[in-house]
């Protein structure tokens, strides 16, 4: 199924939602019949809206790397405040 995501706000929202829930950008690109770079641009524009400027780093930073549930065996990373767990 190929969907024109360039002219429709609804389709752009669908790609953004699917990108957050999907395992890979490639999976979303195949589903919507667009390039991986198009999906990545949509994801980046969504991520920018969610980011907030940090005024000060936490006193303790916790970093945890773990194996995600992908067939490729890639690892994922969590970074959090080591005191508040945020």
Protein backbone atom coordinates (compact mmCIF):
# COMPACT_ATOMS: atom_id res chain seq x y z
CA UNK A 1 0.00 0.00 0.00
CA UNK A 2 1.46 3.38 -1.01
CA UNK A 3 0.17 6.48 0.76
CA UNK A 4 1.00 10.04 -0.25
CA UNK A 5 2.28 11.49 3.02
CA UNK A 6 3.48 14.73 1.48
CA UNK A 7 0.09 16.41 1.12
CA UNK A 8 -1.97 15.15 4.04
CA UNK A 9 -1.74 16.15 7.68
CA UNK A 10 -3.60 12.97 8.65
CA UNK A 11 -1.06 10.80 6.84
CA UNK A 12 1.82 12.73 8.38
CA UNK A 13 0.34 12.10 11.83
CA UNK A 14 -0.12 8.42 11.02
CA UNK A 15 3.54 8.13 10.00
CA UNK A 16 4.63 9.97 13.15
CA UNK A 17 2.59 7.67 15.40
CA UNK A 18 3.68 4.53 13.59
CA UNK A 19 7.33 5.64 13.71
CA UNK A 20 7.23 5.90 17.50
CA UNK A 21 5.64 2.46 17.86
CA UNK A 22 7.59 0.62 15.14
CA UNK A 23 10.84 -1.23 15.67
CA UNK A 24 12.63 0.35 12.72
CA UNK A 25 12.33 3.26 10.30
CA UNK A 26 12.60 0.71 7.49
CA UNK A 27 9.44 -1.04 8.71
CA UNK A 28 7.47 2.23 8.58
CA UNK A 29 8.90 3.17 5.17
CA UNK A 30 7.81 -0.15 3.73
CA UNK A 31 4.34 0.15 5.27
CA UNK A 32 3.75 3.63 3.81
CA UNK A 33 5.67 3.12 0.55
CA UNK A 34 8.15 5.95 1.16
CA UNK A 35 11.89 6.20 1.68
CA UNK A 36 13.56 5.58 5.01
CA UNK A 37 14.94 9.15 4.94
CA UNK A 38 11.37 10.51 4.60
CA UNK A 39 10.32 8.58 7.70
CA UNK A 40 13.41 9.78 9.57
CA UNK A 41 12.63 13.42 8.69
CA UNK A 42 9.06 12.98 9.99
CA UNK A 43 10.42 11.40 13.17
CA UNK A 44 12.95 14.22 13.65
CA UNK A 45 10.25 16.88 13.28
CA UNK A 46 8.14 15.06 15.87
CA UNK A 47 11.08 14.67 18.26
CA UNK A 48 12.00 18.37 18.09
CA UNK A 49 8.52 19.29 19.37
CA UNK A 50 8.94 16.97 22.37
CA UNK A 51 12.41 18.14 23.39
CA UNK A 52 12.93 20.63 26.19
CA UNK A 53 16.04 22.63 26.93
CA UNK A 54 18.01 21.41 29.94
CA UNK A 55 19.22 24.16 32.26
CA UNK A 56 21.28 21.92 34.52
CA UNK A 57 22.43 18.30 34.39
CA UNK A 58 21.50 15.96 37.27
CA UNK A 59 24.10 15.31 39.95
CA UNK A 60 23.99 11.55 39.17
CA UNK A 61 23.42 10.18 35.66
CA UNK A 62 22.42 6.53 35.24
CA UNK A 63 23.19 4.88 31.89
CA UNK A 64 21.89 1.43 31.01
CA UNK A 65 22.49 -0.40 27.74
CA UNK A 66 20.38 -3.43 26.96
CA UNK A 67 19.61 -5.74 24.06
CA UNK A 68 16.40 -4.69 22.35
CA UNK A 69 13.98 -7.20 20.94
CA UNK A 70 15.06 -6.79 17.33
CA UNK A 71 16.23 -9.58 15.07
CA UNK A 72 19.34 -7.55 14.25
CA UNK A 73 20.52 -7.78 17.85
CA UNK A 74 20.95 -4.04 18.23
CA UNK A 75 21.26 -2.51 21.66
CA UNK A 76 19.17 0.25 23.18
CA UNK A 77 20.17 2.89 25.69
CA UNK A 78 18.41 4.52 28.64
CA UNK A 79 19.78 7.65 30.29
CA UNK A 80 18.12 8.82 33.51
CA UNK A 81 18.61 10.91 36.63
CA UNK A 82 20.24 8.45 39.03
CA UNK A 83 18.58 10.00 42.08
CA UNK A 84 15.02 10.69 40.93
CA UNK A 85 14.90 7.90 38.26
CA UNK A 86 13.44 10.43 35.74
